[in-house]
Every structure is written in C-alpha cells, then in structure tokens.
Amino acid sequence: MWRQRRASGLTQAIALVALALGAQILLGLANVILNIPLAIAVAHNAMGAGLLLTLVHLIWRHHQLPKLNTASATHTTTINREVTA
C-alpha cells in the first residue's frame, strides 16, 4: 500500500492516519507525564476514536481502488503421469 500511494491517491488518507497516530502518542505521553489530568485523558480517548475512524476510512478507500491484474499463470507440471518403481 505504501509503495502504491502516489498512483492510488491514498497519500492524504495515509497522512491523516500518521497525524492521528502522532497525536495519540503525544496525548498518551502527556497522560503519563502529567499524572492523567481529566482533560488530557478525555482528549486521548477522543483521539483514539478518531484514529480508529481514520484507519477505517483508509481501508475503505483502499478497497475502492480498482483491482490490479496480478493473477499469475496456473502452475502445472510438464509430466502428468504417475511414476512407479
């Protein structure tokens, strides 16, 4: 997904997920350092919900992309007879 982001148009969705993840980590660290003040704890929970929504959005956008034809040829053997000793 990361390598195909430019061609697929998912760059903004990936950036949004990265931004939400960074904010979630910073709020979690602030909770630990500041002994869990209520406002930061509520913001941390809200950002967790926001992060979940951005991930769902990214997955939905990824599934909306046209499917690439990556089917390979069927693998068959050149000898299709039973070998007996």
PDB file of N, CA and C in Angstrom:
ATOM      1  N   MET A   1       0.829  -1.176   0.000  1.00  0.00           N
ATOM      2  CA  MET A   1       0.000   0.000   0.000  1.00  0.00           C
ATOM      3  C   MET A   1       0.882   1.251   0.000  1.00  0.00           C
ATOM      4  N   TRP A   2       1.940   1.233   0.771  1.00  0.00           N
ATOM      5  CA  TRP A   2       2.784   2.414   0.873  1.00  0.00           C
ATOM      6  C   TRP A   2       3.453   2.734  -0.458  1.00  0.00           C
ATOM      7  N   ARG A   3       3.897   1.715  -1.192  1.00  0.00           N
ATOM      8  CA  ARG A   3       4.574   1.958  -2.464  1.00  0.00           C
ATOM      9  C   ARG A   3       3.619   2.460  -3.538  1.00  0.00           C
ATOM     10  N   GLN A   4       2.361   2.116  -3.442  1.00  0.00           N
ATOM     11  CA  GLN A   4       1.391   2.495  -4.458  1.00  0.00           C
ATOM     12  C   GLN A   4       0.618   3.755  -4.088  1.00  0.00           C
ATOM     13  N   ARG A   5       1.016   4.467  -3.051  1.00  0.00           N
ATOM     14  CA  ARG A   5       0.220   5.574  -2.547  1.00  0.00           C
ATOM     15  C   ARG A   5       0.076   6.717  -3.536  1.00  0.00           C
ATOM     16  N   ARG A   6       1.105   7.027  -4.300  1.00  0.00           N
ATOM     17  CA  ARG A   6       1.014   8.139  -5.253  1.00  0.00           C
ATOM     18  C   ARG A   6       0.069   7.807  -6.397  1.00  0.00           C
ATOM     19  N   ALA A   7       0.183   6.617  -6.915  1.00  0.00           N
ATOM     20  CA  ALA A   7      -0.653   6.213  -8.037  1.00  0.00           C
ATOM     21  C   ALA A   7      -2.100   6.000  -7.608  1.00  0.00           C
ATOM     22  N   SER A   8      -2.318   5.644  -6.359  1.00  0.00           N
ATOM     23  CA  SER A   8      -3.663   5.295  -5.917  1.00  0.00           C
ATOM     24  C   SER A   8      -4.441   6.480  -5.366  1.00  0.00           C
ATOM     25  N   GLY A   9      -3.794   7.580  -5.043  1.00  0.00           N
ATOM     26  CA  GLY A   9      -4.493   8.715  -4.462  1.00  0.00           C
ATOM     27  C   GLY A   9      -4.735   8.578  -2.977  1.00  0.00           C
ATOM     28  N   LEU A  10      -4.030   7.703  -2.311  1.00  0.00           N
ATOM     29  CA  LEU A  10      -4.211   7.493  -0.876  1.00  0.00           C
ATOM     30  C   LEU A  10      -3.260   8.317  -0.020  1.00  0.00           C
ATOM     31  N   THR A  11      -2.502   9.200  -0.637  1.00  0.00           N
ATOM     32  CA  THR A  11      -1.496   9.956   0.103  1.00  0.00           C
ATOM     33  C   THR A  11      -2.120  10.756   1.243  1.00  0.00           C
ATOM     34  N   GLN A  12      -3.233  11.439   0.979  1.00  0.00           N
ATOM     35  CA  GLN A  12      -3.867  12.250   2.023  1.00  0.00           C
ATOM     36  C   GLN A  12      -4.424  11.386   3.140  1.00  0.00           C
ATOM     37  N   ALA A  13      -5.007  10.246   2.804  1.00  0.00           N
ATOM     38  CA  ALA A  13      -5.558   9.363   3.837  1.00  0.00           C
ATOM     39  C   ALA A  13      -4.443   8.786   4.706  1.00  0.00           C
ATOM     40  N   ILE A  14      -3.319   8.438   4.086  1.00  0.00           N
ATOM     41  CA  ILE A  14      -2.182   7.919   4.850  1.00  0.00           C
ATOM     42  C   ILE A  14      -1.597   9.001   5.745  1.00  0.00           C
ATOM     43  N   ALA A  15      -1.513  10.215   5.242  1.00  0.00           N
ATOM     44  CA  ALA A  15      -1.005  11.332   6.049  1.00  0.00           C
ATOM     45  C   ALA A  15      -1.931  11.616   7.228  1.00  0.00           C
ATOM     46  N   LEU A  16      -3.235  11.497   7.022  1.00  0.00           N
ATOM     47  CA  LEU A  16      -4.189  11.720   8.101  1.00  0.00           C
ATOM     48  C   LEU A  16      -4.043  10.661   9.189  1.00  0.00           C
ATOM     49  N   VAL A  17      -3.843   9.421   8.804  1.00  0.00           N
ATOM     50  CA  VAL A  17      -3.628   8.351   9.780  1.00  0.00           C
ATOM     51  C   VAL A  17      -2.331   8.604  10.554  1.00  0.00           C
ATOM     52  N   ALA A  18      -1.277   9.009   9.854  1.00  0.00           N
ATOM     53  CA  ALA A  18       0.004   9.287  10.520  1.00  0.00           C
ATOM     54  C   ALA A  18      -0.140  10.448  11.508  1.00  0.00           C
ATOM     55  N   LEU A  19      -0.870  11.480  11.119  1.00  0.00           N
ATOM     56  CA  LEU A  19      -1.088  12.627  12.008  1.00  0.00           C
ATOM     57  C   LEU A  19      -1.894  12.215  13.237  1.00  0.00           C
ATOM     58  N   ALA A  20      -2.945  11.442  13.050  1.00  0.00           N
ATOM     59  CA  ALA A  20      -3.756  10.989  14.179  1.00  0.00           C
ATOM     60  C   ALA A  20      -2.956  10.079  15.110  1.00  0.00           C
ATOM     61  N   LEU A  21      -2.121   9.226  14.538  1.00  0.00           N
ATOM     62  CA  LEU A  21      -1.287   8.348  15.357  1.00  0.00           C
ATOM     63  C   LEU A  21      -0.283   9.157  16.171  1.00  0.00           C
ATOM     64  N   GLY A  22       0.336  10.152  15.555  1.00  0.00           N
ATOM     65  CA  GLY A  22       1.280  11.008  16.281  1.00  0.00           C
ATOM     66  C   GLY A  22       0.609  11.755  17.426  1.00  0.00           C
ATOM     67  N   ALA A  23      -0.587  12.289  17.168  1.00  0.00           N
ATOM     68  CA  ALA A  23      -1.321  12.991  18.227  1.00  0.00           C
ATOM     69  C   ALA A  23      -1.703  12.037  19.349  1.00  0.00           C
ATOM     70  N   GLN A  24      -2.088  10.832  19.004  1.00  0.00           N
ATOM     71  CA  GLN A  24      -2.456   9.838  20.017  1.00  0.00           C
ATOM     72  C   GLN A  24      -1.258   9.497  20.903  1.00  0.00           C
ATOM     73  N   ILE A  25      -0.104   9.339  20.294  1.00  0.00           N
ATOM     74  CA  ILE A  25       1.106   9.027  21.063  1.00  0.00           C
ATOM     75  C   ILE A  25       1.470  10.194  21.986  1.00  0.00           C
ATOM     76  N   LEU A  26       1.412  11.415  21.470  1.00  0.00           N
ATOM     77  CA  LEU A  26       1.727  12.582  22.297  1.00  0.00           C
ATOM     78  C   LEU A  26       0.752  12.743  23.459  1.00  0.00           C
ATOM     79  N   LEU A  27      -0.533  12.529  23.209  1.00  0.00           N
ATOM     80  CA  LEU A  27      -1.511  12.611  24.296  1.00  0.00           C
ATOM     81  C   LEU A  27      -1.285  11.509  25.328  1.00  0.00           C
ATOM     82  N   GLY A  28      -0.906  10.330  24.883  1.00  0.00           N
ATOM     83  CA  GLY A  28      -0.606   9.250  25.821  1.00  0.00           C
ATOM     84  C   GLY A  28       0.597   9.568  26.686  1.00  0.00           C
ATOM     85  N   LEU A  29       1.631  10.146  26.073  1.00  0.00           N
ATOM     86  CA  LEU A  29       2.801  10.552  26.861  1.00  0.00           C
ATOM     87  C   LEU A  29       2.450  11.663  27.848  1.00  0.00           C
ATOM     88  N   ALA A  30       1.612  12.595  27.408  1.00  0.00           N
ATOM     89  CA  ALA A  30       1.189  13.676  28.316  1.00  0.00           C
ATOM     90  C   ALA A  30       0.409  13.114  29.490  1.00  0.00           C
ATOM     91  N   ASN A  31      -0.396  12.088  29.256  1.00  0.00           N
ATOM     92  CA  ASN A  31      -1.118  11.444  30.362  1.00  0.00           C
ATOM     93  C   ASN A  31      -0.170  10.860  31.385  1.00  0.00           C
ATOM     94  N   VAL A  32       0.878  10.218  30.922  1.00  0.00           N
ATOM     95  CA  VAL A  32       1.832   9.590  31.838  1.00  0.00           C
ATOM     96  C   VAL A  32       2.637  10.640  32.590  1.00  0.00           C
ATOM     97  N   ILE A  33       3.126  11.641  31.858  1.00  0.00           N
ATOM     98  CA  ILE A  33       3.987  12.651  32.473  1.00  0.00           C
ATOM     99  C   ILE A  33       3.219  13.536  33.452  1.00  0.00           C
ATOM    100  N   LEU A  34       1.979  13.900  33.099  1.00  0.00           N
ATOM    101  CA  LEU A  34       1.201  14.834  33.924  1.00  0.00           C
ATOM    102  C   LEU A  34       0.237  14.126  34.880  1.00  0.00           C
ATOM    103  N   ASN A  35       0.416  12.831  35.094  1.00  0.00           N
ATOM    104  CA  ASN A  35      -0.398  12.053  36.028  1.00  0.00           C
ATOM    105  C   ASN A  35      -1.891  12.070  35.692  1.00  0.00           C
ATOM    106  N   ILE A  36      -2.218  11.904  34.456  1.00  0.00           N
ATOM    107  CA  ILE A  36      -3.556  11.720  33.914  1.00  0.00           C
ATOM    108  C   ILE A  36      -4.543  12.819  34.334  1.00  0.00           C
ATOM    109  N   PRO A  37      -4.334  14.049  33.854  1.00  0.00           N
ATOM    110  CA  PRO A  37      -5.368  15.069  34.057  1.00  0.00           C
ATOM    111  C   PRO A  37      -6.608  14.721  33.215  1.00  0.00           C
ATOM    112  N   LEU A  38      -7.776  15.081  33.711  1.00  0.00           N
ATOM    113  CA  LEU A  38      -9.020  14.668  33.079  1.00  0.00           C
ATOM    114  C   LEU A  38      -9.138  15.163  31.641  1.00  0.00           C
ATOM    115  N   ALA A  39      -8.768  16.404  31.377  1.00  0.00           N
ATOM    116  CA  ALA A  39      -8.908  16.961  30.033  1.00  0.00           C
ATOM    117  C   ALA A  39      -8.036  16.206  29.022  1.00  0.00           C
ATOM    118  N   ILE A  40      -6.826  15.880  29.422  1.00  0.00           N
ATOM    119  CA  ILE A  40      -5.921  15.165  28.507  1.00  0.00           C
ATOM    120  C   ILE A  40      -6.376  13.717  28.352  1.00  0.00           C
ATOM    121  N   ALA A  41      -6.891  13.116  29.400  1.00  0.00           N
ATOM    122  CA  ALA A  41      -7.387  11.742  29.305  1.00  0.00           C
ATOM    123  C   ALA A  41      -8.588  11.660  28.360  1.00  0.00           C
ATOM    124  N   VAL A  42      -9.489  12.642  28.436  1.00  0.00           N
ATOM    125  CA  VAL A  42     -10.640  12.674  27.541  1.00  0.00           C
ATOM    126  C   VAL A  42     -10.180  12.904  26.103  1.00  0.00           C
ATOM    127  N   ALA A  43      -9.223  13.811  25.920  1.00  0.00           N
ATOM    128  CA  ALA A  43      -8.687  14.064  24.580  1.00  0.00           C
ATOM    129  C   ALA A  43      -8.010  12.817  24.017  1.00  0.00           C
ATOM    130  N   HIS A  44      -7.314  12.078  24.877  1.00  0.00           N
ATOM    131  CA  HIS A  44      -6.650  10.843  24.457  1.00  0.00           C
ATOM    132  C   HIS A  44      -7.688   9.813  23.984  1.00  0.00           C
ATOM    133  N   ASN A  45      -8.780   9.679  24.723  1.00  0.00           N
ATOM    134  CA  ASN A  45      -9.841   8.745  24.318  1.00  0.00           C
ATOM    135  C   ASN A  45     -10.506   9.203  23.021  1.00  0.00           C
ATOM    136  N   ALA A  46     -10.755  10.483  22.887  1.00  0.00           N
ATOM    137  CA  ALA A  46     -11.374  11.006  21.663  1.00  0.00           C
ATOM    138  C   ALA A  46     -10.443  10.804  20.468  1.00  0.00           C
ATOM    139  N   MET A  47      -9.159  11.000  20.677  1.00  0.00           N
ATOM    140  CA  MET A  47      -8.208  10.810  19.580  1.00  0.00           C
ATOM    141  C   MET A  47      -8.110   9.333  19.209  1.00  0.00           C
ATOM    142  N   GLY A  48      -8.268   8.450  20.177  1.00  0.00           N
ATOM    143  CA  GLY A  48      -8.305   7.019  19.873  1.00  0.00           C
ATOM    144  C   GLY A  48      -9.473   6.681  18.954  1.00  0.00           C
ATOM    145  N   ALA A  49     -10.618   7.278  19.223  1.00  0.00           N
ATOM    146  CA  ALA A  49     -11.779   7.067  18.347  1.00  0.00           C
ATOM    147  C   ALA A  49     -11.522   7.679  16.973  1.00  0.00           C
ATOM    148  N   GLY A  50     -10.898   8.841  16.948  1.00  0.00           N
ATOM    149  CA  GLY A  50     -10.560   9.472  15.672  1.00  0.00           C
ATOM    150  C   GLY A  50      -9.564   8.649  14.872  1.00  0.00           C
ATOM    151  N   LEU A  51      -8.595   8.070  15.550  1.00  0.00           N
ATOM    152  CA  LEU A  51      -7.614   7.214  14.885  1.00  0.00           C
ATOM    153  C   LEU A  51      -8.292   5.981  14.292  1.00  0.00           C
ATOM    154  N   LEU A  52      -9.210   5.401  15.036  1.00  0.00           N
ATOM    155  CA  LEU A  52      -9.958   4.256  14.521  1.00  0.00           C
ATOM    156  C   LEU A  52     -10.745   4.638  13.268  1.00  0.00           C
ATOM    157  N   LEU A  53     -11.388   5.788  13.292  1.00  0.00           N
ATOM    158  CA  LEU A  53     -12.154   6.239  12.129  1.00  0.00           C
ATOM    159  C   LEU A  53     -11.256   6.510  10.929  1.00  0.00           C
ATOM    160  N   THR A  54     -10.090   7.090  11.148  1.00  0.00           N
ATOM    161  CA  THR A  54      -9.199   7.345  10.019  1.00  0.00           C
ATOM    162  C   THR A  54      -8.659   6.047   9.426  1.00  0.00           C
ATOM    163  N   LEU A  55      -8.416   5.048  10.269  1.00  0.00           N
ATOM    164  CA  LEU A  55      -7.973   3.749   9.756  1.00  0.00           C
ATOM    165  C   LEU A  55      -9.077   3.057   8.954  1.00  0.00           C
ATOM    166  N   VAL A  56     -10.303   3.142   9.441  1.00  0.00           N
ATOM    167  CA  VAL A  56     -11.424   2.569   8.701  1.00  0.00           C
ATOM    168  C   VAL A  56     -11.581   3.284   7.362  1.00  0.00           C
ATOM    169  N   HIS A  57     -11.434   4.607   7.365  1.00  0.00           N
ATOM    170  CA  HIS A  57     -11.516   5.378   6.121  1.00  0.00           C
ATOM    171  C   HIS A  57     -10.421   4.967   5.141  1.00  0.00           C
ATOM    172  N   LEU A  58      -9.199   4.797   5.632  1.00  0.00           N
ATOM    173  CA  LEU A  58      -8.092   4.384   4.769  1.00  0.00           C
ATOM    174  C   LEU A  58      -8.348   3.004   4.172  1.00  0.00           C
ATOM    175  N   ILE A  59      -8.816   2.071   4.981  1.00  0.00           N
ATOM    176  CA  ILE A  59      -9.100   0.727   4.477  1.00  0.00           C
ATOM    177  C   ILE A  59     -10.230   0.770   3.451  1.00  0.00           C
ATOM    178  N   TRP A  60     -11.260   1.572   3.729  1.00  0.00           N
ATOM    179  CA  TRP A  60     -12.364   1.704   2.780  1.00  0.00           C
ATOM    180  C   TRP A  60     -11.878   2.277   1.451  1.00  0.00           C
ATOM    181  N   ARG A  61     -11.053   3.328   1.523  1.00  0.00           N
ATOM    182  CA  ARG A  61     -10.515   3.922   0.293  1.00  0.00           C
ATOM    183  C   ARG A  61      -9.643   2.926  -0.455  1.00  0.00           C
ATOM    184  N   HIS A  62      -8.874   2.123   0.268  1.00  0.00           N
ATOM    185  CA  HIS A  62      -8.017   1.128  -0.363  1.00  0.00           C
ATOM    186  C   HIS A  62      -8.853   0.086  -1.087  1.00  0.00           C
ATOM    187  N   HIS A  63      -9.968  -0.311  -0.502  1.00  0.00           N
ATOM    188  CA  HIS A  63     -10.826  -1.315  -1.143  1.00  0.00           C
ATOM    189  C   HIS A  63     -11.604  -0.740  -2.326  1.00  0.00           C
ATOM    190  N   GLN A  64     -11.690   0.571  -2.422  1.00  0.00           N
ATOM    191  CA  GLN A  64     -12.373   1.196  -3.552  1.00  0.00           C
ATOM    192  C   GLN A  64     -11.477   1.272  -4.787  1.00  0.00           C
ATOM    193  N   LEU A  65     -10.185   1.024  -4.631  1.00  0.00           N
ATOM    194  CA  LEU A  65      -9.269   1.083  -5.760  1.00  0.00           C
ATOM    195  C   LEU A  65      -9.567  -0.041  -6.736  1.00  0.00           C
ATOM    196  N   PRO A  66      -9.323   0.196  -8.014  1.00  0.00           N
ATOM    197  CA  PRO A  66      -9.514  -0.894  -8.975  1.00  0.00           C
ATOM    198  C   PRO A  66      -8.521  -2.014  -8.695  1.00  0.00           C
ATOM    199  N   LYS A  67      -8.971  -3.215  -8.865  1.00  0.00           N
ATOM    200  CA  LYS A  67      -8.121  -4.373  -8.609  1.00  0.00           C
ATOM    201  C   LYS A  67      -7.095  -4.513  -9.722  1.00  0.00           C
ATOM    202  N   LEU A  68      -5.858  -4.740  -9.332  1.00  0.00           N
ATOM    203  CA  LEU A  68      -4.793  -4.958 -10.300  1.00  0.00           C
ATOM    204  C   LEU A  68      -4.836  -6.405 -10.762  1.00  0.00           C
ATOM    205  N   ASN A  69      -4.492  -6.635 -12.001  1.00  0.00           N
ATOM    206  CA  ASN A  69      -4.478  -7.999 -12.529  1.00  0.00           C
ATOM    207  C   ASN A  69      -3.146  -8.640 -12.177  1.00  0.00           C
ATOM    208  N   THR A  70      -3.105  -9.246 -11.008  1.00  0.00           N
ATOM    209  CA  THR A  70      -1.871  -9.870 -10.533  1.00  0.00           C
ATOM    210  C   THR A  70      -1.943 -11.388 -10.596  1.00  0.00           C
ATOM    211  N   ALA A  71      -2.952 -11.895 -11.251  1.00  0.00           N
ATOM    212  CA  ALA A  71      -3.081 -13.354 -11.338  1.00  0.00           C
ATOM    213  C   ALA A  71      -1.965 -13.909 -12.209  1.00  0.00           C
ATOM    214  N   SER A  72      -1.280 -14.863 -11.679  1.00  0.00           N
ATOM    215  CA  SER A  72      -0.200 -15.485 -12.436  1.00  0.00           C
ATOM    216  C   SER A  72      -0.744 -16.679 -13.208  1.00  0.00           C
ATOM    217  N   ALA A  73       0.065 -17.187 -14.074  1.00  0.00           N
ATOM    218  CA  ALA A  73      -0.332 -18.362 -14.856  1.00  0.00           C
ATOM    219  C   ALA A  73      -0.490 -19.548 -13.929  1.00  0.00           C
ATOM    220  N   THR A  74      -1.330 -20.453 -14.317  1.00  0.00           N
ATOM    221  CA  THR A  74      -1.503 -21.640 -13.491  1.00  0.00           C
ATOM    222  C   THR A  74      -0.238 -22.480 -13.556  1.00  0.00           C
ATOM    223  N   HIS A  75       0.095 -23.034 -12.448  1.00  0.00           N
ATOM    224  CA  HIS A  75       1.306 -23.841 -12.364  1.00  0.00           C
ATOM    225  C   HIS A  75       0.953 -25.301 -12.613  1.00  0.00           C
ATOM    226  N   THR A  76       1.470 -25.814 -13.679  1.00  0.00           N
ATOM    227  CA  THR A  76       1.267 -27.233 -13.973  1.00  0.00           C
ATOM    228  C   THR A  76       2.623 -27.873 -14.196  1.00  0.00           C
ATOM    229  N   THR A  77       2.648 -29.130 -13.983  1.00  0.00           N
ATOM    230  CA  THR A  77       3.893 -29.852 -14.236  1.00  0.00           C
ATOM    231  C   THR A  77       3.924 -30.289 -15.693  1.00  0.00           C
ATOM    232  N   THR A  78       5.118 -30.483 -16.184  1.00  0.00           N
ATOM    233  CA  THR A  78       5.239 -30.921 -17.566  1.00  0.00           C
ATOM    234  C   THR A  78       5.025 -32.420 -17.721  1.00  0.00           C
ATOM    235  N   ILE A  79       5.171 -33.134 -16.625  1.00  0.00           N
ATOM    236  CA  ILE A  79       4.957 -34.580 -16.673  1.00  0.00           C
ATOM    237  C   ILE A  79       3.748 -34.867 -15.791  1.00  0.00           C
ATOM    238  N   ASN A  80       2.675 -35.315 -16.387  1.00  0.00           N
ATOM    239  CA  ASN A  80       1.449 -35.582 -15.646  1.00  0.00           C
ATOM    240  C   ASN A  80       1.159 -37.076 -15.560  1.00  0.00           C
ATOM    241  N   ARG A  81       2.160 -37.861 -15.381  1.00  0.00           N
ATOM    242  CA  ARG A  81       1.936 -39.299 -15.266  1.00  0.00           C
ATOM    243  C   ARG A  81       2.495 -39.800 -13.949  1.00  0.00           C
ATOM    244  N   GLU A  82       1.951 -40.868 -13.484  1.00  0.00           N
ATOM    245  CA  GLU A  82       2.371 -41.449 -12.228  1.00  0.00           C
ATOM    246  C   GLU A  82       3.647 -42.225 -12.417  1.00  0.00           C
ATOM    247  N   VAL A  83       4.553 -42.058 -11.484  1.00  0.00           N
ATOM    248  CA  VAL A  83       5.836 -42.741 -11.548  1.00  0.00           C
ATOM    249  C   VAL A  83       5.768 -43.923 -10.597  1.00  0.00           C
ATOM    250  N   THR A  84       6.076 -45.101 -11.135  1.00  0.00           N
ATOM    251  CA  THR A  84       6.100 -46.311 -10.312  1.00  0.00           C
ATOM    252  C   THR A  84       7.500 -46.903 -10.360  1.00  0.00           C
ATOM    253  N   ALA A  85       7.882 -47.520  -9.292  1.00  0.00           N
ATOM    254  CA  ALA A  85       9.221 -48.111  -9.250  1.00  0.00           C
ATOM    255  C   ALA A  85       9.195 -49.584  -9.435  1.00  0.00           C
TER     256      ALA A  85
END
